[in-house]
């Protein structure tokens, strides 16, 4: 029996300047060598490496998944924003993600860091996007770590209203 293929859905690259040193070409080559069918590039609050990544992945026979690890304003502690990984499901999702990131850089600056306001995230602004919780750095995970299961449930339901089964 063969193992199911593995796909990384949250990889930061050299374009997440203070978080990663992974070079796009090396990432794609390694995925191809390991027989990975796809990989997601989700740099922090940017799509700077997207064109390079997309072209290299296609050339290597690896399906490129475009996304970003966004930071969302934490109303309780502005210095510790929540994370949410957004993956583009289609071209509409890519456009929506580009709009959200641009808006964060134009309107959402906090101490020089671009942040997404939670109010900007709704069914319309997230069409074509798939959300991953952000783990312990997301708002749901944060509440679970603090043993606030009621708060985690409310936050999860709010995300489900926006993203449905995505």
N, C-alpha and C. Protein backbone atom coordinates (compact mmCIF):
# COMPACT_ATOMS: atom_id res chain seq x y z
N UNK A 1 0.85 -1.18 0.00
CA UNK A 1 0.00 0.00 0.00
C UNK A 1 0.90 1.25 0.00
N UNK A 2 0.61 2.20 -0.89
CA UNK A 2 1.42 3.41 -0.96
C UNK A 2 0.87 4.49 -0.03
N UNK A 3 1.78 5.32 0.42
CA UNK A 3 1.39 6.41 1.32
C UNK A 3 0.67 7.50 0.53
N UNK A 4 -0.23 8.18 1.19
CA UNK A 4 -0.90 9.31 0.56
C UNK A 4 0.11 10.44 0.35
N UNK A 5 0.00 11.17 -0.75
CA UNK A 5 0.95 12.27 -0.97
C UNK A 5 0.77 13.37 0.07
N UNK A 6 1.87 13.99 0.42
CA UNK A 6 1.87 15.06 1.40
C UNK A 6 2.01 16.39 0.68
N UNK A 7 1.30 17.41 1.15
CA UNK A 7 1.36 18.75 0.57
C UNK A 7 1.51 19.77 1.69
N UNK A 8 2.57 20.58 1.62
CA UNK A 8 2.73 21.69 2.56
C UNK A 8 1.75 22.80 2.17
N UNK A 9 0.94 23.26 3.12
CA UNK A 9 -0.04 24.31 2.84
C UNK A 9 0.29 25.65 3.49
N UNK A 10 1.46 25.76 4.12
CA UNK A 10 1.83 27.02 4.76
C UNK A 10 3.34 27.13 4.81
N UNK A 11 3.93 27.53 3.68
CA UNK A 11 5.38 27.66 3.59
C UNK A 11 5.73 29.13 3.39
N UNK A 12 6.60 29.62 4.26
CA UNK A 12 7.14 30.97 4.11
C UNK A 12 8.47 30.87 3.38
N UNK A 13 8.76 31.86 2.55
CA UNK A 13 9.99 31.85 1.77
C UNK A 13 10.86 33.05 2.12
N UNK A 14 11.86 33.25 1.29
CA UNK A 14 12.76 34.38 1.42
C UNK A 14 12.01 35.72 1.39
N UNK A 15 10.75 35.70 0.92
CA UNK A 15 9.96 36.92 0.84
C UNK A 15 9.22 37.22 2.15
N UNK A 16 9.35 36.34 3.14
CA UNK A 16 8.93 36.63 4.51
C UNK A 16 10.21 36.97 5.25
N UNK A 17 10.64 38.18 5.11
CA UNK A 17 12.01 38.58 5.40
C UNK A 17 12.55 38.17 6.76
N UNK A 18 11.81 38.33 7.83
CA UNK A 18 12.35 38.01 9.15
C UNK A 18 11.94 36.62 9.63
N UNK A 19 11.27 35.85 8.79
CA UNK A 19 10.73 34.58 9.23
C UNK A 19 11.32 33.37 8.52
N UNK A 20 11.90 33.53 7.34
CA UNK A 20 12.32 32.37 6.58
C UNK A 20 13.49 32.71 5.67
N UNK A 21 14.30 31.70 5.41
CA UNK A 21 15.38 31.82 4.45
C UNK A 21 15.21 30.84 3.30
N UNK A 22 14.07 30.19 3.23
CA UNK A 22 13.80 29.22 2.17
C UNK A 22 13.70 29.96 0.84
N UNK A 23 14.51 29.54 -0.11
CA UNK A 23 14.48 30.14 -1.43
C UNK A 23 13.44 29.42 -2.29
N UNK A 24 12.73 30.17 -3.09
CA UNK A 24 11.65 29.62 -3.89
C UNK A 24 12.13 28.48 -4.78
N UNK A 25 13.26 28.67 -5.48
CA UNK A 25 13.77 27.64 -6.38
C UNK A 25 14.09 26.36 -5.63
N UNK A 26 14.71 26.49 -4.47
CA UNK A 26 15.06 25.31 -3.66
C UNK A 26 13.80 24.61 -3.15
N UNK A 27 12.80 25.38 -2.75
CA UNK A 27 11.54 24.81 -2.28
C UNK A 27 10.90 23.96 -3.38
N UNK A 28 10.77 24.54 -4.55
CA UNK A 28 10.12 23.84 -5.65
C UNK A 28 10.92 22.61 -6.06
N UNK A 29 12.23 22.74 -6.15
CA UNK A 29 13.07 21.58 -6.53
C UNK A 29 12.93 20.45 -5.52
N UNK A 30 12.92 20.79 -4.25
CA UNK A 30 12.80 19.76 -3.21
C UNK A 30 11.43 19.08 -3.26
N UNK A 31 10.39 19.86 -3.49
CA UNK A 31 9.05 19.27 -3.61
C UNK A 31 9.00 18.31 -4.79
N UNK A 32 9.58 18.69 -5.91
CA UNK A 32 9.61 17.82 -7.09
C UNK A 32 10.41 16.55 -6.80
N UNK A 33 11.57 16.70 -6.17
CA UNK A 33 12.40 15.54 -5.81
C UNK A 33 11.67 14.57 -4.89
N UNK A 34 10.91 15.11 -3.97
CA UNK A 34 10.19 14.28 -2.99
C UNK A 34 8.84 13.78 -3.51
N UNK A 35 8.52 14.10 -4.76
CA UNK A 35 7.28 13.62 -5.36
C UNK A 35 6.03 14.29 -4.82
N UNK A 36 6.17 15.48 -4.29
CA UNK A 36 4.99 16.21 -3.80
C UNK A 36 4.19 16.72 -4.99
N UNK A 37 2.89 16.49 -4.99
CA UNK A 37 2.09 16.93 -6.13
C UNK A 37 1.83 18.44 -6.15
N UNK A 38 1.93 19.09 -4.99
CA UNK A 38 1.63 20.52 -4.88
C UNK A 38 2.32 21.09 -3.66
N UNK A 39 2.37 22.42 -3.59
CA UNK A 39 2.89 23.12 -2.42
C UNK A 39 2.29 24.52 -2.42
N UNK A 40 2.03 25.04 -1.22
CA UNK A 40 1.48 26.39 -1.08
C UNK A 40 2.55 27.34 -0.55
N UNK A 41 2.71 28.45 -1.23
CA UNK A 41 3.59 29.51 -0.76
C UNK A 41 2.71 30.55 -0.09
N UNK A 42 2.93 30.76 1.21
CA UNK A 42 2.06 31.64 2.01
C UNK A 42 2.91 32.63 2.81
N UNK A 43 3.62 33.47 2.12
CA UNK A 43 4.46 34.44 2.82
C UNK A 43 3.61 35.38 3.66
N UNK A 44 4.27 35.99 4.64
CA UNK A 44 3.58 36.86 5.59
C UNK A 44 3.21 38.19 4.95
N UNK A 45 1.90 38.40 4.82
CA UNK A 45 1.33 39.67 4.36
C UNK A 45 1.86 40.13 3.01
N UNK A 46 2.22 39.16 2.13
CA UNK A 46 2.65 39.58 0.80
C UNK A 46 2.56 38.45 -0.22
N UNK A 47 2.55 38.86 -1.46
CA UNK A 47 2.57 37.95 -2.60
C UNK A 47 3.80 38.23 -3.47
N UNK A 48 4.86 38.75 -2.88
CA UNK A 48 6.02 39.20 -3.64
C UNK A 48 6.66 38.09 -4.47
N UNK A 49 6.67 36.87 -3.97
CA UNK A 49 7.32 35.77 -4.68
C UNK A 49 6.40 34.97 -5.57
N UNK A 50 5.17 35.40 -5.72
CA UNK A 50 4.16 34.60 -6.40
C UNK A 50 4.51 34.27 -7.84
N UNK A 51 4.93 35.23 -8.64
CA UNK A 51 5.21 34.97 -10.05
C UNK A 51 6.38 34.00 -10.19
N UNK A 52 7.45 34.26 -9.47
CA UNK A 52 8.61 33.37 -9.49
C UNK A 52 8.22 31.95 -9.06
N UNK A 53 7.48 31.85 -7.98
CA UNK A 53 7.02 30.56 -7.46
C UNK A 53 6.14 29.85 -8.47
N UNK A 54 5.17 30.54 -9.00
CA UNK A 54 4.20 29.94 -9.92
C UNK A 54 4.90 29.36 -11.16
N UNK A 55 5.78 30.15 -11.77
CA UNK A 55 6.50 29.69 -12.96
C UNK A 55 7.40 28.50 -12.67
N UNK A 56 8.14 28.57 -11.57
CA UNK A 56 9.06 27.48 -11.21
C UNK A 56 8.30 26.20 -10.89
N UNK A 57 7.21 26.33 -10.16
CA UNK A 57 6.44 25.15 -9.78
C UNK A 57 5.86 24.47 -11.02
N UNK A 58 5.26 25.23 -11.91
CA UNK A 58 4.70 24.64 -13.13
C UNK A 58 5.78 23.94 -13.94
N UNK A 59 6.93 24.58 -14.07
CA UNK A 59 8.03 24.00 -14.84
C UNK A 59 8.53 22.70 -14.22
N UNK A 60 8.42 22.58 -12.89
CA UNK A 60 8.90 21.39 -12.19
C UNK A 60 7.83 20.32 -12.05
N UNK A 61 6.62 20.59 -12.54
CA UNK A 61 5.54 19.62 -12.44
C UNK A 61 4.89 19.56 -11.07
N UNK A 62 5.02 20.64 -10.31
CA UNK A 62 4.41 20.74 -8.98
C UNK A 62 3.30 21.79 -9.07
N UNK A 63 2.12 21.44 -8.58
CA UNK A 63 1.01 22.40 -8.62
C UNK A 63 1.26 23.52 -7.63
N UNK A 64 1.32 24.76 -8.10
CA UNK A 64 1.51 25.89 -7.19
C UNK A 64 0.19 26.30 -6.55
N UNK A 65 0.20 26.46 -5.24
CA UNK A 65 -0.95 26.98 -4.51
C UNK A 65 -0.53 28.34 -3.95
N UNK A 66 -1.22 29.37 -4.36
CA UNK A 66 -0.88 30.73 -3.97
C UNK A 66 -1.69 31.12 -2.75
N UNK A 67 -1.04 31.78 -1.80
CA UNK A 67 -1.72 32.25 -0.61
C UNK A 67 -0.89 33.22 0.17
N UNK A 68 -1.36 33.55 1.36
CA UNK A 68 -0.63 34.44 2.25
C UNK A 68 -1.03 34.16 3.69
N UNK A 69 -0.08 34.37 4.56
CA UNK A 69 -0.31 34.29 6.00
C UNK A 69 -0.60 35.72 6.43
N UNK A 70 -1.89 36.01 6.63
CA UNK A 70 -2.26 37.39 6.97
C UNK A 70 -2.31 37.58 8.48
N UNK A 71 -2.14 38.81 8.87
CA UNK A 71 -2.25 39.18 10.28
C UNK A 71 -3.50 40.02 10.45
N UNK A 72 -4.27 39.63 11.47
CA UNK A 72 -5.54 40.30 11.74
C UNK A 72 -5.44 41.04 13.06
N UNK A 73 -5.97 42.24 13.10
CA UNK A 73 -5.95 43.05 14.32
C UNK A 73 -6.55 42.25 15.48
N UNK A 74 -5.83 42.21 16.58
CA UNK A 74 -6.30 41.61 17.82
C UNK A 74 -6.83 42.75 18.69
N UNK A 75 -8.12 42.79 18.86
CA UNK A 75 -8.75 43.89 19.59
C UNK A 75 -8.29 43.97 21.05
N UNK A 76 -7.88 42.83 21.62
CA UNK A 76 -7.46 42.79 23.02
C UNK A 76 -5.99 43.13 23.22
N UNK A 77 -5.16 42.93 22.20
CA UNK A 77 -3.72 43.18 22.32
C UNK A 77 -3.17 43.53 20.95
N UNK A 78 -3.11 44.82 20.66
CA UNK A 78 -2.69 45.29 19.33
C UNK A 78 -1.29 44.83 18.96
N UNK A 79 -0.45 44.55 19.95
CA UNK A 79 0.92 44.13 19.68
C UNK A 79 1.02 42.66 19.27
N UNK A 80 -0.08 41.92 19.41
CA UNK A 80 -0.08 40.48 19.07
C UNK A 80 -1.24 40.15 18.13
N UNK A 81 -1.06 40.47 16.86
CA UNK A 81 -2.15 40.19 15.91
C UNK A 81 -2.35 38.68 15.73
N UNK A 82 -3.54 38.31 15.33
CA UNK A 82 -3.86 36.92 15.03
C UNK A 82 -3.43 36.60 13.60
N UNK A 83 -3.16 35.33 13.34
CA UNK A 83 -2.80 34.88 12.00
C UNK A 83 -3.96 34.11 11.39
N UNK A 84 -4.06 34.18 10.07
CA UNK A 84 -5.01 33.39 9.31
C UNK A 84 -4.36 33.15 7.96
N UNK A 85 -4.26 31.90 7.55
CA UNK A 85 -3.69 31.57 6.26
C UNK A 85 -4.82 31.54 5.24
N UNK A 86 -4.65 32.29 4.16
CA UNK A 86 -5.63 32.32 3.08
C UNK A 86 -5.00 31.74 1.82
N UNK A 87 -5.66 30.76 1.23
CA UNK A 87 -5.21 30.13 -0.01
C UNK A 87 -6.17 30.50 -1.13
N UNK A 88 -5.61 30.76 -2.30
CA UNK A 88 -6.44 31.13 -3.45
C UNK A 88 -7.00 29.88 -4.11
N UNK A 89 -8.30 29.83 -4.17
CA UNK A 89 -9.01 28.71 -4.79
C UNK A 89 -9.08 28.88 -6.31
N UNK A 90 -9.05 30.14 -6.76
CA UNK A 90 -9.19 30.44 -8.17
C UNK A 90 -8.71 31.89 -8.41
N UNK A 91 -8.91 32.39 -9.63
CA UNK A 91 -8.47 33.74 -9.96
C UNK A 91 -9.21 34.80 -9.14
N UNK A 92 -10.49 34.56 -8.88
CA UNK A 92 -11.23 35.51 -8.04
C UNK A 92 -10.62 35.59 -6.64
N UNK A 93 -10.23 34.45 -6.10
CA UNK A 93 -9.58 34.43 -4.79
C UNK A 93 -8.26 35.19 -4.81
N UNK A 94 -7.50 35.04 -5.89
CA UNK A 94 -6.24 35.79 -6.01
C UNK A 94 -6.51 37.30 -6.00
N UNK A 95 -7.52 37.71 -6.74
CA UNK A 95 -7.85 39.15 -6.77
C UNK A 95 -8.29 39.63 -5.39
N UNK A 96 -9.11 38.83 -4.71
CA UNK A 96 -9.60 39.22 -3.37
C UNK A 96 -8.44 39.30 -2.38
N UNK A 97 -7.54 38.33 -2.45
CA UNK A 97 -6.38 38.36 -1.54
C UNK A 97 -5.50 39.56 -1.84
N UNK A 98 -5.29 39.86 -3.10
CA UNK A 98 -4.50 41.04 -3.48
C UNK A 98 -5.14 42.32 -2.93
N UNK A 99 -6.46 42.40 -3.02
CA UNK A 99 -7.17 43.58 -2.51
C UNK A 99 -7.03 43.70 -0.99
N UNK A 100 -7.17 42.58 -0.28
CA UNK A 100 -7.03 42.62 1.19
C UNK A 100 -5.62 43.04 1.60
N UNK A 101 -4.61 42.48 0.94
CA UNK A 101 -3.23 42.83 1.28
C UNK A 101 -2.95 44.29 0.96
N UNK A 102 -3.40 44.75 -0.18
CA UNK A 102 -3.20 46.16 -0.55
C UNK A 102 -3.86 47.08 0.46
N UNK A 103 -5.07 46.74 0.84
CA UNK A 103 -5.79 47.56 1.82
C UNK A 103 -5.05 47.59 3.16
N UNK A 104 -4.48 46.45 3.55
CA UNK A 104 -3.72 46.41 4.81
C UNK A 104 -2.52 47.35 4.76
N UNK A 105 -1.85 47.41 3.62
CA UNK A 105 -0.69 48.29 3.50
C UNK A 105 -1.11 49.76 3.43
N UNK A 106 -2.27 50.03 2.84
CA UNK A 106 -2.71 51.42 2.68
C UNK A 106 -3.43 51.92 3.93
N UNK A 107 -4.34 51.11 4.50
CA UNK A 107 -5.21 51.57 5.59
C UNK A 107 -4.95 50.91 6.93
N UNK A 108 -4.25 49.80 6.96
CA UNK A 108 -4.17 49.01 8.18
C UNK A 108 -2.86 49.03 8.93
N UNK A 109 -2.04 50.03 8.68
CA UNK A 109 -0.73 50.08 9.33
C UNK A 109 -0.85 50.27 10.84
N UNK A 110 -0.11 49.44 11.58
CA UNK A 110 0.01 49.59 13.04
C UNK A 110 1.49 49.46 13.37
N UNK A 111 2.09 50.57 13.79
CA UNK A 111 3.52 50.61 14.09
C UNK A 111 4.36 50.12 12.92
N UNK A 112 3.94 50.48 11.72
CA UNK A 112 4.68 50.13 10.52
C UNK A 112 4.38 48.76 9.96
N UNK A 113 3.51 47.99 10.61
CA UNK A 113 3.15 46.66 10.11
C UNK A 113 1.75 46.69 9.52
N UNK A 114 1.59 46.11 8.33
CA UNK A 114 0.25 46.05 7.75
C UNK A 114 -0.60 45.00 8.44
N UNK A 115 -1.81 45.37 8.82
CA UNK A 115 -2.74 44.46 9.46
C UNK A 115 -4.09 44.53 8.77
N UNK A 116 -4.80 43.41 8.77
CA UNK A 116 -6.15 43.35 8.21
C UNK A 116 -7.14 43.55 9.35
N UNK A 117 -8.08 44.44 9.16
CA UNK A 117 -9.15 44.61 10.14
C UNK A 117 -10.18 43.50 9.93
N UNK A 118 -10.64 42.93 10.99
CA UNK A 118 -11.60 41.83 10.92
C UNK A 118 -12.85 42.22 10.12
N UNK A 119 -13.26 43.48 10.21
CA UNK A 119 -14.46 43.94 9.51
C UNK A 119 -14.31 43.85 7.99
N UNK A 120 -13.08 43.82 7.50
CA UNK A 120 -12.85 43.72 6.06
C UNK A 120 -13.11 42.31 5.54
N UNK A 121 -13.17 41.35 6.45
CA UNK A 121 -13.34 39.95 6.05
C UNK A 121 -14.82 39.58 6.12
N UNK A 122 -15.41 39.37 4.97
CA UNK A 122 -16.81 38.98 4.89
C UNK A 122 -16.98 38.03 3.71
N UNK A 123 -18.19 37.57 3.50
CA UNK A 123 -18.45 36.59 2.42
C UNK A 123 -17.98 37.13 1.07
N UNK A 124 -18.26 38.38 0.80
CA UNK A 124 -17.90 38.97 -0.49
C UNK A 124 -16.39 39.14 -0.65
N UNK A 125 -15.74 39.68 0.37
CA UNK A 125 -14.29 39.94 0.26
C UNK A 125 -13.46 38.67 0.30
N UNK A 126 -14.07 37.55 0.66
CA UNK A 126 -13.33 36.28 0.77
C UNK A 126 -13.77 35.23 -0.24
N UNK A 127 -14.54 35.63 -1.24
CA UNK A 127 -14.94 34.69 -2.28
C UNK A 127 -13.70 34.15 -2.99
N UNK A 128 -13.66 32.86 -3.19
CA UNK A 128 -12.52 32.26 -3.88
C UNK A 128 -11.32 32.02 -2.99
N UNK A 129 -11.49 32.21 -1.69
CA UNK A 129 -10.39 31.98 -0.74
C UNK A 129 -10.73 30.82 0.19
N UNK A 130 -9.71 30.08 0.55
CA UNK A 130 -9.81 28.99 1.52
C UNK A 130 -9.04 29.45 2.75
N UNK A 131 -9.63 29.27 3.94
CA UNK A 131 -8.99 29.72 5.18
C UNK A 131 -8.46 28.55 5.98
N UNK A 132 -7.25 28.71 6.50
CA UNK A 132 -6.67 27.79 7.48
C UNK A 132 -6.54 28.57 8.78
N UNK A 133 -6.80 27.93 9.88
CA UNK A 133 -7.00 28.61 11.16
C UNK A 133 -5.84 29.43 11.70
N UNK A 134 -4.64 29.19 11.27
CA UNK A 134 -3.51 29.90 11.85
C UNK A 134 -2.96 29.20 13.09
N UNK A 135 -3.49 28.02 13.40
CA UNK A 135 -3.00 27.24 14.54
C UNK A 135 -3.10 28.01 15.83
N UNK A 136 -2.10 27.87 16.69
CA UNK A 136 -2.13 28.56 17.98
C UNK A 136 -1.99 30.07 17.83
N UNK A 137 -1.59 30.52 16.64
CA UNK A 137 -1.45 31.96 16.40
C UNK A 137 -2.72 32.58 15.84
N UNK A 138 -3.71 31.75 15.55
CA UNK A 138 -5.01 32.24 15.10
C UNK A 138 -5.90 32.53 16.29
N UNK A 139 -7.01 33.20 16.04
CA UNK A 139 -7.89 33.56 17.15
C UNK A 139 -8.56 32.34 17.78
N UNK A 140 -8.94 31.35 16.98
CA UNK A 140 -9.55 30.14 17.53
C UNK A 140 -8.53 29.38 18.37
N UNK A 141 -7.34 29.19 17.83
CA UNK A 141 -6.29 28.50 18.57
C UNK A 141 -5.90 29.22 19.85
N UNK A 142 -5.86 30.53 19.79
CA UNK A 142 -5.54 31.34 20.97
C UNK A 142 -6.54 31.08 22.09
N UNK A 143 -7.83 31.08 21.73
CA UNK A 143 -8.86 30.82 22.74
C UNK A 143 -8.76 29.40 23.28
N UNK A 144 -8.44 28.44 22.41
CA UNK A 144 -8.31 27.05 22.88
C UNK A 144 -7.15 26.90 23.85
N UNK A 145 -6.02 27.54 23.55
CA UNK A 145 -4.85 27.48 24.45
C UNK A 145 -5.20 28.06 25.82
N UNK A 146 -6.03 29.10 25.82
CA UNK A 146 -6.43 29.73 27.09
C UNK A 146 -7.60 29.01 27.74
N UNK A 147 -8.02 27.90 27.17
CA UNK A 147 -9.14 27.10 27.68
C UNK A 147 -10.46 27.88 27.65
N UNK A 148 -10.61 28.73 26.62
CA UNK A 148 -11.85 29.48 26.41
C UNK A 148 -12.62 28.82 25.27
N UNK A 149 -13.16 27.65 25.53
CA UNK A 149 -13.81 26.88 24.47
C UNK A 149 -15.05 27.58 23.91
N UNK A 150 -15.77 28.31 24.75
CA UNK A 150 -16.94 29.03 24.25
C UNK A 150 -16.52 30.12 23.25
N UNK A 151 -15.48 30.84 23.59
CA UNK A 151 -14.96 31.87 22.68
C UNK A 151 -14.45 31.27 21.39
N UNK A 152 -13.75 30.14 21.50
CA UNK A 152 -13.24 29.45 20.30
C UNK A 152 -14.39 29.01 19.41
N UNK A 153 -15.44 28.49 20.01
CA UNK A 153 -16.61 28.05 19.24
C UNK A 153 -17.27 29.23 18.52
N UNK A 154 -17.39 30.36 19.19
CA UNK A 154 -17.99 31.54 18.57
C UNK A 154 -17.14 32.04 17.40
N UNK A 155 -15.83 32.06 17.63
CA UNK A 155 -14.93 32.53 16.56
C UNK A 155 -14.97 31.58 15.36
N UNK A 156 -14.98 30.28 15.64
CA UNK A 156 -15.04 29.30 14.56
C UNK A 156 -16.33 29.46 13.76
N UNK A 157 -17.43 29.65 14.44
CA UNK A 157 -18.71 29.84 13.75
C UNK A 157 -18.69 31.10 12.89
N UNK A 158 -18.06 32.15 13.39
CA UNK A 158 -17.96 33.39 12.60
C UNK A 158 -17.15 33.15 11.33
N UNK A 159 -16.06 32.37 11.43
CA UNK A 159 -15.27 32.05 10.23
C UNK A 159 -16.07 31.19 9.26
N UNK A 160 -16.84 30.26 9.79
CA UNK A 160 -17.65 29.39 8.93
C UNK A 160 -18.73 30.19 8.19
N UNK A 161 -19.24 31.24 8.81
CA UNK A 161 -20.23 32.09 8.14
C UNK A 161 -19.60 32.79 6.94
N UNK A 162 -18.32 33.10 7.04
CA UNK A 162 -17.62 33.79 5.94
C UNK A 162 -17.15 32.79 4.88
N UNK A 163 -16.56 31.69 5.32
CA UNK A 163 -15.89 30.77 4.39
C UNK A 163 -16.68 29.50 4.07
N UNK A 164 -17.82 29.29 4.69
CA UNK A 164 -18.59 28.04 4.50
C UNK A 164 -17.68 26.84 4.78
N UNK A 165 -17.54 25.96 3.81
CA UNK A 165 -16.70 24.77 3.99
C UNK A 165 -15.28 24.97 3.45
N UNK A 166 -14.93 26.22 3.24
CA UNK A 166 -13.60 26.51 2.72
C UNK A 166 -12.68 26.99 3.83
